[in-house]
Amino acid sequence: MRRGAFGRTLLGMDADEIPDEVLARRAALLDRAAFRVIVDRHGPALYRYARRMLDDPQDTEDCVQEAFAAAWTSLPQFAGRSSLRTWLFAITAHKVRSSQRRRTRTALPLPFVADDEVDRHAVDPERSAEGTDLLEALNAALRELPPGPRSAWLLREVEGLSYEQIAEVSGTTTSTVRGQLHRARGHLVQRMEAWR
């Protein structure tokens, strides 16, 4: 975690040890250092999610920045009925949907694994090529899914959110989430059959 201008500690504690609820209350009181910890802690996951839902890096950055700007102004109203992480995902999902509505198509052009996660000096080039092909096939299969099932799958399988949290993020019910995940998993199993 970057400690930047606010130093190694915040509120007399290592910033990594401060619970989200405390950070949210501090940020609601316009504590910029607390908000920076929130951004550092949750920003990568929100970016990952938005990037996989949108097809343009600039749209993704704009979406995540808009989500954090909305969070900053809305934190005084954050009641804590959900976790801060779930609340931030809900804001980001709303911004993603808004961005998708402004565009005529949605796609997922980049590899599922971020470029900085790929070992460019793999010892086994054949295995590396297979892995790249597998990720490309997964990307293609994900692009075929409608936004709802794709979002549910990403939030569950990549970000580890519970069904209840996904329902809250999506503004739907856990039954709908189950249905979306069933649809997404079925589609992916069918499309990825050749990779078994």
N, C-alpha and C. Protein backbone atom coordinates (compact mmCIF):
# COMPACT_ATOMS: atom_id res chain seq x y z
N MET A 1 0.83 -1.18 0.00
CA MET A 1 0.00 0.00 0.00
C MET A 1 0.87 1.24 0.00
N ARG A 2 0.51 2.21 -0.78
CA ARG A 2 1.24 3.48 -0.78
C ARG A 2 0.85 4.26 0.46
N ARG A 3 1.86 4.85 1.07
CA ARG A 3 1.55 5.61 2.27
C ARG A 3 1.62 7.11 2.00
N GLY A 4 2.22 7.52 0.90
CA GLY A 4 2.19 8.89 0.40
C GLY A 4 2.27 9.97 1.45
N ALA A 5 1.48 11.01 1.29
CA ALA A 5 1.55 12.22 2.09
C ALA A 5 1.13 12.00 3.53
N PHE A 6 0.31 10.99 3.81
CA PHE A 6 -0.17 10.84 5.18
C PHE A 6 0.72 9.94 6.02
N GLY A 7 1.84 9.47 5.46
CA GLY A 7 2.82 8.74 6.25
C GLY A 7 2.48 7.28 6.47
N ARG A 8 3.21 6.66 7.37
CA ARG A 8 3.07 5.23 7.64
C ARG A 8 1.82 4.91 8.44
N THR A 9 1.37 5.83 9.23
CA THR A 9 0.23 5.54 10.09
C THR A 9 -0.90 6.54 9.85
N LEU A 10 -2.07 6.12 10.24
CA LEU A 10 -3.26 6.95 10.17
C LEU A 10 -4.04 6.62 11.42
N LEU A 11 -4.47 7.62 12.13
CA LEU A 11 -5.20 7.41 13.39
C LEU A 11 -4.37 6.62 14.39
N GLY A 12 -3.04 6.76 14.32
CA GLY A 12 -2.16 6.06 15.24
C GLY A 12 -1.99 4.58 14.95
N MET A 13 -2.53 4.10 13.82
CA MET A 13 -2.43 2.68 13.45
C MET A 13 -1.79 2.58 12.08
N ASP A 14 -1.25 1.40 11.79
CA ASP A 14 -0.81 1.14 10.43
C ASP A 14 -2.06 1.19 9.57
N ALA A 15 -2.01 1.92 8.47
CA ALA A 15 -3.20 2.15 7.63
C ALA A 15 -3.81 0.83 7.14
N ASP A 16 -3.00 -0.20 6.97
CA ASP A 16 -3.52 -1.49 6.51
C ASP A 16 -4.39 -2.18 7.55
N GLU A 17 -4.25 -1.79 8.81
CA GLU A 17 -4.98 -2.44 9.90
C GLU A 17 -6.31 -1.76 10.23
N ILE A 18 -6.55 -0.60 9.68
CA ILE A 18 -7.76 0.15 10.02
C ILE A 18 -8.95 -0.47 9.30
N PRO A 19 -10.01 -0.81 10.04
CA PRO A 19 -11.20 -1.40 9.40
C PRO A 19 -11.87 -0.41 8.44
N ASP A 20 -12.51 -0.96 7.44
CA ASP A 20 -13.20 -0.15 6.45
C ASP A 20 -14.24 0.79 7.09
N GLU A 21 -14.93 0.30 8.11
CA GLU A 21 -15.97 1.11 8.74
C GLU A 21 -15.38 2.39 9.35
N VAL A 22 -14.21 2.26 9.96
CA VAL A 22 -13.54 3.43 10.55
C VAL A 22 -13.10 4.38 9.44
N LEU A 23 -12.52 3.82 8.39
CA LEU A 23 -12.08 4.66 7.27
C LEU A 23 -13.27 5.39 6.65
N ALA A 24 -14.40 4.70 6.51
CA ALA A 24 -15.60 5.32 5.91
C ALA A 24 -16.08 6.48 6.78
N ARG A 25 -16.10 6.28 8.10
CA ARG A 25 -16.54 7.38 8.99
C ARG A 25 -15.58 8.57 8.91
N ARG A 26 -14.28 8.28 8.87
CA ARG A 26 -13.29 9.36 8.79
C ARG A 26 -13.41 10.09 7.44
N ALA A 27 -13.54 9.34 6.36
CA ALA A 27 -13.66 9.95 5.04
C ALA A 27 -14.95 10.76 4.93
N ALA A 28 -16.01 10.32 5.60
CA ALA A 28 -17.27 11.07 5.60
C ALA A 28 -17.09 12.43 6.26
N LEU A 29 -16.09 12.52 7.13
CA LEU A 29 -15.77 13.79 7.79
C LEU A 29 -14.70 14.56 7.00
N LEU A 30 -14.55 14.19 5.74
CA LEU A 30 -13.63 14.84 4.79
C LEU A 30 -12.16 14.59 5.10
N ASP A 31 -11.86 13.45 5.70
CA ASP A 31 -10.48 13.04 5.95
C ASP A 31 -9.93 12.44 4.66
N ARG A 32 -9.14 13.22 3.94
CA ARG A 32 -8.61 12.78 2.65
C ARG A 32 -7.66 11.60 2.78
N ALA A 33 -6.90 11.56 3.85
CA ALA A 33 -5.97 10.45 4.06
C ALA A 33 -6.74 9.14 4.22
N ALA A 34 -7.83 9.16 4.94
CA ALA A 34 -8.66 7.96 5.09
C ALA A 34 -9.24 7.54 3.74
N PHE A 35 -9.68 8.52 2.96
CA PHE A 35 -10.25 8.19 1.66
C PHE A 35 -9.18 7.61 0.73
N ARG A 36 -7.95 8.12 0.83
CA ARG A 36 -6.87 7.57 0.01
C ARG A 36 -6.64 6.10 0.35
N VAL A 37 -6.73 5.74 1.63
CA VAL A 37 -6.57 4.34 2.02
C VAL A 37 -7.70 3.51 1.40
N ILE A 38 -8.91 4.04 1.41
CA ILE A 38 -10.05 3.34 0.79
C ILE A 38 -9.77 3.12 -0.70
N VAL A 39 -9.31 4.16 -1.37
CA VAL A 39 -9.01 4.05 -2.81
C VAL A 39 -7.90 3.03 -3.05
N ASP A 40 -6.84 3.09 -2.27
CA ASP A 40 -5.74 2.14 -2.43
C ASP A 40 -6.18 0.71 -2.14
N ARG A 41 -7.04 0.55 -1.16
CA ARG A 41 -7.48 -0.79 -0.75
C ARG A 41 -8.46 -1.41 -1.75
N HIS A 42 -9.40 -0.63 -2.24
CA HIS A 42 -10.48 -1.17 -3.07
C HIS A 42 -10.38 -0.82 -4.56
N GLY A 43 -9.56 0.16 -4.88
CA GLY A 43 -9.43 0.60 -6.27
C GLY A 43 -9.05 -0.50 -7.25
N PRO A 44 -8.05 -1.34 -6.93
CA PRO A 44 -7.66 -2.38 -7.89
C PRO A 44 -8.81 -3.34 -8.24
N ALA A 45 -9.59 -3.75 -7.27
CA ALA A 45 -10.71 -4.67 -7.53
C ALA A 45 -11.79 -3.98 -8.36
N LEU A 46 -12.08 -2.72 -8.04
CA LEU A 46 -13.09 -1.98 -8.79
C LEU A 46 -12.63 -1.78 -10.23
N TYR A 47 -11.36 -1.50 -10.42
CA TYR A 47 -10.81 -1.32 -11.76
C TYR A 47 -10.89 -2.64 -12.54
N ARG A 48 -10.50 -3.73 -11.89
CA ARG A 48 -10.54 -5.05 -12.53
C ARG A 48 -11.96 -5.35 -13.03
N TYR A 49 -12.92 -5.13 -12.16
CA TYR A 49 -14.32 -5.40 -12.51
C TYR A 49 -14.76 -4.51 -13.68
N ALA A 50 -14.53 -3.21 -13.57
CA ALA A 50 -14.96 -2.29 -14.63
C ALA A 50 -14.24 -2.59 -15.94
N ARG A 51 -12.99 -2.95 -15.88
CA ARG A 51 -12.21 -3.23 -17.09
C ARG A 51 -12.77 -4.43 -17.84
N ARG A 52 -13.22 -5.41 -17.08
CA ARG A 52 -13.74 -6.62 -17.70
C ARG A 52 -15.18 -6.44 -18.19
N MET A 53 -15.83 -5.40 -17.75
CA MET A 53 -17.20 -5.11 -18.21
C MET A 53 -17.20 -4.14 -19.39
N LEU A 54 -16.16 -3.33 -19.51
CA LEU A 54 -16.09 -2.32 -20.56
C LEU A 54 -15.00 -2.70 -21.56
N ASP A 55 -15.01 -2.07 -22.70
CA ASP A 55 -14.04 -2.46 -23.73
C ASP A 55 -12.97 -1.42 -23.99
N ASP A 56 -12.88 -0.43 -23.16
CA ASP A 56 -11.93 0.64 -23.43
C ASP A 56 -11.25 1.06 -22.13
N PRO A 57 -9.90 1.12 -22.14
CA PRO A 57 -9.19 1.51 -20.91
C PRO A 57 -9.59 2.91 -20.42
N GLN A 58 -9.80 3.83 -21.34
CA GLN A 58 -10.17 5.19 -20.92
C GLN A 58 -11.56 5.20 -20.30
N ASP A 59 -12.51 4.45 -20.88
CA ASP A 59 -13.84 4.34 -20.29
C ASP A 59 -13.76 3.74 -18.89
N THR A 60 -12.88 2.75 -18.74
CA THR A 60 -12.71 2.11 -17.43
C THR A 60 -12.18 3.10 -16.41
N GLU A 61 -11.14 3.83 -16.77
CA GLU A 61 -10.58 4.81 -15.84
C GLU A 61 -11.60 5.87 -15.48
N ASP A 62 -12.33 6.35 -16.49
CA ASP A 62 -13.36 7.36 -16.23
C ASP A 62 -14.43 6.81 -15.29
N CYS A 63 -14.84 5.58 -15.54
CA CYS A 63 -15.88 4.95 -14.74
C CYS A 63 -15.44 4.83 -13.27
N VAL A 64 -14.23 4.35 -13.04
CA VAL A 64 -13.74 4.16 -11.68
C VAL A 64 -13.54 5.51 -10.99
N GLN A 65 -13.03 6.50 -11.73
CA GLN A 65 -12.89 7.84 -11.14
C GLN A 65 -14.25 8.42 -10.77
N GLU A 66 -15.24 8.25 -11.66
CA GLU A 66 -16.58 8.72 -11.36
C GLU A 66 -17.16 8.00 -10.14
N ALA A 67 -16.89 6.71 -10.03
CA ALA A 67 -17.37 5.94 -8.88
C ALA A 67 -16.75 6.46 -7.59
N PHE A 68 -15.45 6.71 -7.58
CA PHE A 68 -14.82 7.23 -6.37
C PHE A 68 -15.27 8.66 -6.07
N ALA A 69 -15.50 9.46 -7.10
CA ALA A 69 -16.01 10.81 -6.86
C ALA A 69 -17.40 10.74 -6.23
N ALA A 70 -18.24 9.83 -6.74
CA ALA A 70 -19.57 9.66 -6.17
C ALA A 70 -19.48 9.14 -4.74
N ALA A 71 -18.56 8.24 -4.49
CA ALA A 71 -18.38 7.72 -3.14
C ALA A 71 -17.95 8.83 -2.18
N TRP A 72 -17.02 9.65 -2.60
CA TRP A 72 -16.53 10.75 -1.77
C TRP A 72 -17.68 11.67 -1.35
N THR A 73 -18.53 12.02 -2.30
CA THR A 73 -19.63 12.93 -1.98
C THR A 73 -20.77 12.23 -1.23
N SER A 74 -20.86 10.91 -1.37
CA SER A 74 -21.96 10.17 -0.73
C SER A 74 -21.60 9.55 0.60
N LEU A 75 -20.34 9.54 0.97
CA LEU A 75 -19.94 8.90 2.22
C LEU A 75 -20.68 9.43 3.45
N PRO A 76 -21.00 10.72 3.53
CA PRO A 76 -21.77 11.16 4.70
C PRO A 76 -23.13 10.46 4.83
N GLN A 77 -23.68 9.96 3.72
CA GLN A 77 -24.96 9.25 3.76
C GLN A 77 -24.79 7.74 3.87
N PHE A 78 -23.55 7.24 3.80
CA PHE A 78 -23.31 5.80 3.89
C PHE A 78 -23.70 5.33 5.28
N ALA A 79 -24.73 4.47 5.34
CA ALA A 79 -25.27 4.04 6.62
C ALA A 79 -24.65 2.76 7.14
N GLY A 80 -23.85 2.10 6.34
CA GLY A 80 -23.20 0.88 6.78
C GLY A 80 -24.12 -0.34 6.76
N ARG A 81 -25.23 -0.28 6.03
CA ARG A 81 -26.12 -1.44 5.94
C ARG A 81 -25.46 -2.58 5.16
N SER A 82 -24.48 -2.24 4.36
CA SER A 82 -23.67 -3.23 3.65
C SER A 82 -22.22 -2.91 3.96
N SER A 83 -21.33 -3.79 3.53
CA SER A 83 -19.91 -3.49 3.73
C SER A 83 -19.51 -2.36 2.79
N LEU A 84 -18.47 -1.66 3.13
CA LEU A 84 -17.97 -0.58 2.28
C LEU A 84 -17.60 -1.14 0.91
N ARG A 85 -16.99 -2.31 0.88
CA ARG A 85 -16.59 -2.93 -0.39
C ARG A 85 -17.81 -3.17 -1.29
N THR A 86 -18.86 -3.72 -0.73
CA THR A 86 -20.08 -3.97 -1.50
C THR A 86 -20.68 -2.67 -1.99
N TRP A 87 -20.71 -1.66 -1.15
CA TRP A 87 -21.24 -0.35 -1.50
C TRP A 87 -20.44 0.26 -2.66
N LEU A 88 -19.12 0.15 -2.60
CA LEU A 88 -18.27 0.67 -3.67
C LEU A 88 -18.50 -0.10 -4.98
N PHE A 89 -18.66 -1.42 -4.89
CA PHE A 89 -18.96 -2.19 -6.09
C PHE A 89 -20.31 -1.78 -6.68
N ALA A 90 -21.28 -1.49 -5.82
CA ALA A 90 -22.60 -1.07 -6.32
C ALA A 90 -22.49 0.25 -7.08
N ILE A 91 -21.74 1.18 -6.54
CA ILE A 91 -21.54 2.47 -7.24
C ILE A 91 -20.84 2.23 -8.57
N THR A 92 -19.80 1.41 -8.55
CA THR A 92 -19.05 1.13 -9.77
C THR A 92 -19.92 0.42 -10.80
N ALA A 93 -20.71 -0.54 -10.36
CA ALA A 93 -21.60 -1.26 -11.28
C ALA A 93 -22.60 -0.28 -11.92
N HIS A 94 -23.09 0.67 -11.13
CA HIS A 94 -24.00 1.69 -11.68
C HIS A 94 -23.29 2.52 -12.75
N LYS A 95 -22.06 2.92 -12.47
CA LYS A 95 -21.30 3.71 -13.44
C LYS A 95 -21.00 2.89 -14.70
N VAL A 96 -20.72 1.59 -14.53
CA VAL A 96 -20.49 0.71 -15.68
C VAL A 96 -21.74 0.64 -16.55
N ARG A 97 -22.91 0.44 -15.90
CA ARG A 97 -24.16 0.37 -16.67
C ARG A 97 -24.44 1.67 -17.40
N SER A 98 -24.15 2.79 -16.76
CA SER A 98 -24.34 4.08 -17.41
C SER A 98 -23.44 4.21 -18.62
N SER A 99 -22.20 3.77 -18.48
CA SER A 99 -21.26 3.82 -19.59
C SER A 99 -21.71 2.91 -20.72
N GLN A 100 -22.21 1.74 -20.38
CA GLN A 100 -22.68 0.80 -21.40
C GLN A 100 -23.89 1.36 -22.15
N ARG A 101 -24.78 2.05 -21.44
CA ARG A 101 -25.94 2.64 -22.10
C ARG A 101 -25.54 3.73 -23.08
N ARG A 102 -24.45 4.43 -22.78
CA ARG A 102 -23.99 5.50 -23.66
C ARG A 102 -23.34 4.95 -24.93
N ARG A 103 -23.04 3.69 -24.93
CA ARG A 103 -22.36 3.10 -26.08
C ARG A 103 -23.27 2.14 -26.81
N THR A 104 -22.92 1.81 -28.02
CA THR A 104 -23.76 0.92 -28.81
C THR A 104 -23.43 -0.54 -28.63
N ARG A 105 -22.27 -0.85 -28.07
CA ARG A 105 -21.90 -2.25 -27.87
C ARG A 105 -21.05 -2.37 -26.63
N THR A 106 -20.98 -3.60 -26.09
CA THR A 106 -20.08 -3.91 -24.99
C THR A 106 -19.19 -5.05 -25.43
N ALA A 107 -17.96 -5.01 -24.97
CA ALA A 107 -17.01 -6.05 -25.34
C ALA A 107 -15.96 -6.17 -24.26
N LEU A 108 -15.17 -7.20 -24.37
CA LEU A 108 -14.09 -7.46 -23.43
C LEU A 108 -12.85 -7.81 -24.24
N PRO A 109 -12.13 -6.81 -24.77
CA PRO A 109 -11.08 -7.10 -25.72
C PRO A 109 -9.75 -7.57 -25.13
N LEU A 110 -9.47 -7.21 -23.90
CA LEU A 110 -8.15 -7.54 -23.36
C LEU A 110 -8.15 -8.92 -22.74
N PRO A 111 -6.98 -9.50 -22.58
CA PRO A 111 -6.89 -10.79 -21.92
C PRO A 111 -7.51 -10.71 -20.53
N PHE A 112 -8.05 -11.83 -20.09
CA PHE A 112 -8.70 -11.88 -18.79
C PHE A 112 -7.72 -11.57 -17.67
N VAL A 113 -6.47 -11.99 -17.84
CA VAL A 113 -5.43 -11.69 -16.87
C VAL A 113 -4.76 -10.40 -17.31
N ALA A 114 -4.56 -9.49 -16.37
CA ALA A 114 -3.92 -8.22 -16.70
C ALA A 114 -2.52 -8.48 -17.24
N ASP A 115 -2.06 -7.60 -18.15
CA ASP A 115 -0.75 -7.78 -18.77
C ASP A 115 0.37 -7.90 -17.75
N ASP A 116 0.28 -7.17 -16.64
CA ASP A 116 1.37 -7.22 -15.67
C ASP A 116 1.36 -8.53 -14.88
N GLU A 117 0.31 -9.36 -15.03
CA GLU A 117 0.26 -10.64 -14.35
C GLU A 117 0.79 -11.77 -15.23
N VAL A 118 1.05 -11.51 -16.50
CA VAL A 118 1.50 -12.53 -17.42
C VAL A 118 3.02 -12.63 -17.35
N ASP A 119 3.53 -13.85 -17.21
CA ASP A 119 4.96 -14.07 -17.17
C ASP A 119 5.49 -14.04 -18.60
N ARG A 120 6.11 -12.94 -18.97
CA ARG A 120 6.59 -12.77 -20.34
C ARG A 120 7.85 -13.57 -20.61
N HIS A 121 8.45 -14.13 -19.59
CA HIS A 121 9.67 -14.91 -19.75
C HIS A 121 9.42 -16.35 -19.32
N ALA A 122 8.29 -16.89 -19.74
CA ALA A 122 7.92 -18.25 -19.36
C ALA A 122 8.98 -19.23 -19.83
N VAL A 123 9.26 -20.22 -18.99
CA VAL A 123 10.26 -21.22 -19.33
C VAL A 123 9.75 -22.11 -20.45
N ASP A 124 8.46 -22.39 -20.48
CA ASP A 124 7.87 -23.29 -21.46
C ASP A 124 7.00 -22.49 -22.43
N PRO A 125 7.54 -22.11 -23.59
CA PRO A 125 6.77 -21.29 -24.54
C PRO A 125 5.49 -21.96 -25.01
N GLU A 126 5.51 -23.29 -25.17
CA GLU A 126 4.30 -24.00 -25.61
C GLU A 126 3.20 -23.88 -24.57
N ARG A 127 3.56 -24.07 -23.33
CA ARG A 127 2.59 -23.96 -22.24
C ARG A 127 2.09 -22.52 -22.12
N SER A 128 2.98 -21.56 -22.30
CA SER A 128 2.60 -20.16 -22.27
C SER A 128 1.61 -19.84 -23.38
N ALA A 129 1.85 -20.36 -24.57
CA ALA A 129 0.95 -20.13 -25.71
C ALA A 129 -0.40 -20.76 -25.45
N GLU A 130 -0.41 -21.96 -24.84
CA GLU A 130 -1.67 -22.61 -24.49
C GLU A 130 -2.46 -21.75 -23.50
N GLY A 131 -1.75 -21.22 -22.50
CA GLY A 131 -2.41 -20.38 -21.50
C GLY A 131 -2.99 -19.13 -22.13
N THR A 132 -2.27 -18.54 -23.06
CA THR A 132 -2.77 -17.35 -23.75
C THR A 132 -4.00 -17.70 -24.58
N ASP A 133 -3.95 -18.84 -25.28
CA ASP A 133 -5.10 -19.27 -26.07
C ASP A 133 -6.31 -19.54 -25.19
N LEU A 134 -6.07 -20.16 -24.03
CA LEU A 134 -7.16 -20.43 -23.09
C LEU A 134 -7.80 -19.13 -22.62
N LEU A 135 -6.98 -18.15 -22.27
CA LEU A 135 -7.52 -16.87 -21.81
C LEU A 135 -8.29 -16.15 -22.92
N GLU A 136 -7.78 -16.25 -24.14
CA GLU A 136 -8.50 -15.65 -25.26
C GLU A 136 -9.85 -16.32 -25.47
N ALA A 137 -9.89 -17.64 -25.33
CA ALA A 137 -11.16 -18.36 -25.46
C ALA A 137 -12.12 -17.98 -24.35
N LEU A 138 -11.60 -17.83 -23.12
CA LEU A 138 -12.45 -17.40 -22.00
C LEU A 138 -12.97 -15.99 -22.23
N ASN A 139 -12.10 -15.11 -22.70
CA ASN A 139 -12.53 -13.74 -23.01
C ASN A 139 -13.65 -13.74 -24.04
N ALA A 140 -13.49 -14.52 -25.09
CA ALA A 140 -14.50 -14.58 -26.15
C ALA A 140 -15.82 -15.10 -25.58
N ALA A 141 -15.75 -16.12 -24.75
CA ALA A 141 -16.97 -16.68 -24.15
C ALA A 141 -17.64 -15.67 -23.22
N LEU A 142 -16.85 -14.93 -22.46
CA LEU A 142 -17.41 -13.91 -21.57
C LEU A 142 -18.06 -12.78 -22.36
N ARG A 143 -17.45 -12.39 -23.47
CA ARG A 143 -18.01 -11.31 -24.29
C ARG A 143 -19.38 -11.68 -24.83
N GLU A 144 -19.64 -12.95 -25.02
CA GLU A 144 -20.92 -13.40 -25.55
C GLU A 144 -22.05 -13.29 -24.52
N LEU A 145 -21.70 -13.22 -23.25
CA LEU A 145 -22.72 -13.14 -22.21
C LEU A 145 -23.32 -11.74 -22.14
N PRO A 146 -24.61 -11.64 -21.84
CA PRO A 146 -25.20 -10.33 -21.57
C PRO A 146 -24.55 -9.72 -20.31
N PRO A 147 -24.64 -8.41 -20.15
CA PRO A 147 -23.98 -7.76 -19.01
C PRO A 147 -24.35 -8.33 -17.64
N GLY A 148 -25.61 -8.68 -17.41
CA GLY A 148 -26.02 -9.19 -16.09
C GLY A 148 -25.31 -10.47 -15.68
N PRO A 149 -25.40 -11.52 -16.49
CA PRO A 149 -24.68 -12.75 -16.13
C PRO A 149 -23.16 -12.58 -16.10
N ARG A 150 -22.62 -11.76 -17.01
CA ARG A 150 -21.16 -11.52 -17.01
C ARG A 150 -20.76 -10.83 -15.70
N SER A 151 -21.52 -9.82 -15.31
CA SER A 151 -21.23 -9.10 -14.08
C SER A 151 -21.32 -10.04 -12.88
N ALA A 152 -22.38 -10.83 -12.81
CA ALA A 152 -22.55 -11.76 -11.69
C ALA A 152 -21.38 -12.74 -11.63
N TRP A 153 -20.97 -13.27 -12.78
CA TRP A 153 -19.86 -14.23 -12.81
C TRP A 153 -18.56 -13.57 -12.35
N LEU A 154 -18.28 -12.38 -12.86
CA LEU A 154 -17.05 -11.69 -12.46
C LEU A 154 -17.04 -11.38 -10.97
N LEU A 155 -18.17 -10.89 -10.45
CA LEU A 155 -18.23 -10.54 -9.03
C LEU A 155 -18.08 -11.78 -8.14
N ARG A 156 -18.62 -12.91 -8.58
CA ARG A 156 -18.54 -14.13 -7.79
C ARG A 156 -17.20 -14.83 -7.95
N GLU A 157 -16.83 -15.11 -9.19
CA GLU A 157 -15.67 -15.97 -9.45
C GLU A 157 -14.34 -15.22 -9.39
N VAL A 158 -14.33 -13.95 -9.71
CA VAL A 158 -13.08 -13.20 -9.70
C VAL A 158 -12.93 -12.40 -8.40
N GLU A 159 -14.00 -11.71 -7.99
CA GLU A 159 -13.91 -10.83 -6.82
C GLU A 159 -14.36 -11.50 -5.53
N GLY A 160 -14.99 -12.67 -5.62
CA GLY A 160 -15.33 -13.43 -4.42
C GLY A 160 -16.49 -12.90 -3.61
N LEU A 161 -17.38 -12.12 -4.21
CA LEU A 161 -18.53 -11.62 -3.48
C LEU A 161 -19.55 -12.73 -3.27
N SER A 162 -20.30 -12.63 -2.19
CA SER A 162 -21.36 -13.60 -1.91
C SER A 162 -22.56 -13.32 -2.79
N TYR A 163 -23.50 -14.25 -2.86
CA TYR A 163 -24.71 -14.05 -3.65
C TYR A 163 -25.47 -12.82 -3.16
N GLU A 164 -25.52 -12.66 -1.84
CA GLU A 164 -26.22 -11.52 -1.26
C GLU A 164 -25.55 -10.20 -1.65
N GLN A 165 -24.23 -10.19 -1.62
CA GLN A 165 -23.51 -8.98 -2.00
C GLN A 165 -23.70 -8.66 -3.49
N ILE A 166 -23.68 -9.70 -4.32
CA ILE A 166 -23.89 -9.49 -5.76
C ILE A 166 -25.29 -8.94 -6.00
N ALA A 167 -26.27 -9.47 -5.29
CA ALA A 167 -27.65 -8.98 -5.43
C ALA A 167 -27.72 -7.51 -5.05
N GLU A 168 -27.02 -7.14 -3.99
CA GLU A 168 -27.01 -5.74 -3.57
C GLU A 168 -26.33 -4.85 -4.60
N VAL A 169 -25.19 -5.31 -5.11
CA VAL A 169 -24.46 -4.55 -6.14
C VAL A 169 -25.32 -4.37 -7.38
N SER A 170 -26.02 -5.44 -7.76
CA SER A 170 -26.80 -5.44 -8.99
C SER A 170 -28.20 -4.86 -8.83
N GLY A 171 -28.62 -4.64 -7.61
CA GLY A 171 -29.97 -4.14 -7.37
C GLY A 171 -31.02 -5.16 -7.72
N THR A 172 -30.75 -6.43 -7.38
CA THR A 172 -31.67 -7.51 -7.71
C THR A 172 -31.78 -8.45 -6.52
N THR A 173 -32.30 -9.63 -6.74
CA THR A 173 -32.47 -10.61 -5.67
C THR A 173 -31.42 -11.71 -5.79
N THR A 174 -31.25 -12.46 -4.70
CA THR A 174 -30.31 -13.58 -4.74
C THR A 174 -30.79 -14.65 -5.72
N SER A 175 -32.10 -14.79 -5.88
CA SER A 175 -32.63 -15.76 -6.85
C SER A 175 -32.21 -15.37 -8.27
N THR A 176 -32.29 -14.09 -8.58
CA THR A 176 -31.85 -13.62 -9.90
C THR A 176 -30.36 -13.86 -10.07
N VAL A 177 -29.59 -13.59 -9.03
CA VAL A 177 -28.14 -13.82 -9.10
C VAL A 177 -27.86 -15.29 -9.36
N ARG A 178 -28.56 -16.18 -8.65
CA ARG A 178 -28.38 -17.62 -8.88
C ARG A 178 -28.66 -17.96 -10.34
N GLY A 179 -29.75 -17.42 -10.87
CA GLY A 179 -30.10 -17.68 -12.26
C GLY A 179 -29.05 -17.15 -13.22
N GLN A 180 -28.55 -15.94 -12.95
CA GLN A 180 -27.52 -15.36 -13.82
C GLN A 180 -26.24 -16.18 -13.77
N LEU A 181 -25.87 -16.62 -12.56
CA LEU A 181 -24.66 -17.44 -12.43
C LEU A 181 -24.84 -18.79 -13.11
N HIS A 182 -26.02 -19.37 -12.98
CA HIS A 182 -26.30 -20.65 -13.65
C HIS A 182 -26.17 -20.48 -15.16
N ARG A 183 -26.75 -19.42 -15.67
CA ARG A 183 -26.67 -19.15 -17.11
C ARG A 183 -25.22 -18.94 -17.55
N ALA A 184 -24.48 -18.11 -16.79
CA ALA A 184 -23.09 -17.81 -17.14
C ALA A 184 -22.24 -19.07 -17.09
N ARG A 185 -22.38 -19.84 -16.02
CA ARG A 185 -21.57 -21.06 -15.88
C ARG A 185 -21.90 -22.07 -16.97
N GLY A 186 -23.19 -22.22 -17.26
CA GLY A 186 -23.59 -23.14 -18.32
C GLY A 186 -23.01 -22.74 -19.67
N HIS A 187 -23.08 -21.45 -19.95
CA HIS A 187 -22.53 -20.94 -21.20
C HIS A 187 -21.02 -21.18 -21.27
N LEU A 188 -20.33 -20.88 -20.17
CA LEU A 188 -18.87 -21.03 -20.16
C LEU A 188 -18.46 -22.50 -20.25
N VAL A 189 -19.20 -23.39 -19.58
CA VAL A 189 -18.89 -24.82 -19.67
C VAL A 189 -19.03 -25.28 -21.11
N GLN A 190 -20.12 -24.86 -21.76
CA GLN A 190 -20.35 -25.25 -23.15
C GLN A 190 -19.26 -24.69 -24.06
N ARG A 191 -18.95 -23.41 -23.92
CA ARG A 191 -17.98 -22.76 -24.81
C ARG A 191 -16.55 -23.22 -24.54
N MET A 192 -16.26 -23.64 -23.31
CA MET A 192 -14.89 -24.02 -22.96
C MET A 192 -14.70 -25.54 -22.99
N GLU A 193 -15.66 -26.27 -23.52
CA GLU A 193 -15.61 -27.73 -23.57
C GLU A 193 -14.31 -28.23 -24.21
N ALA A 194 -13.85 -27.58 -25.24
CA ALA A 194 -12.63 -28.02 -25.92
C ALA A 194 -11.39 -27.92 -25.03
N TRP A 195 -11.46 -27.17 -23.96
CA TRP A 195 -10.30 -26.96 -23.09
C TRP A 195 -10.27 -27.93 -21.92
N ARG A 196 -11.23 -28.83 -21.86
CA ARG A 196 -11.24 -29.79 -20.75
C ARG A 196 -10.21 -30.85 -20.93
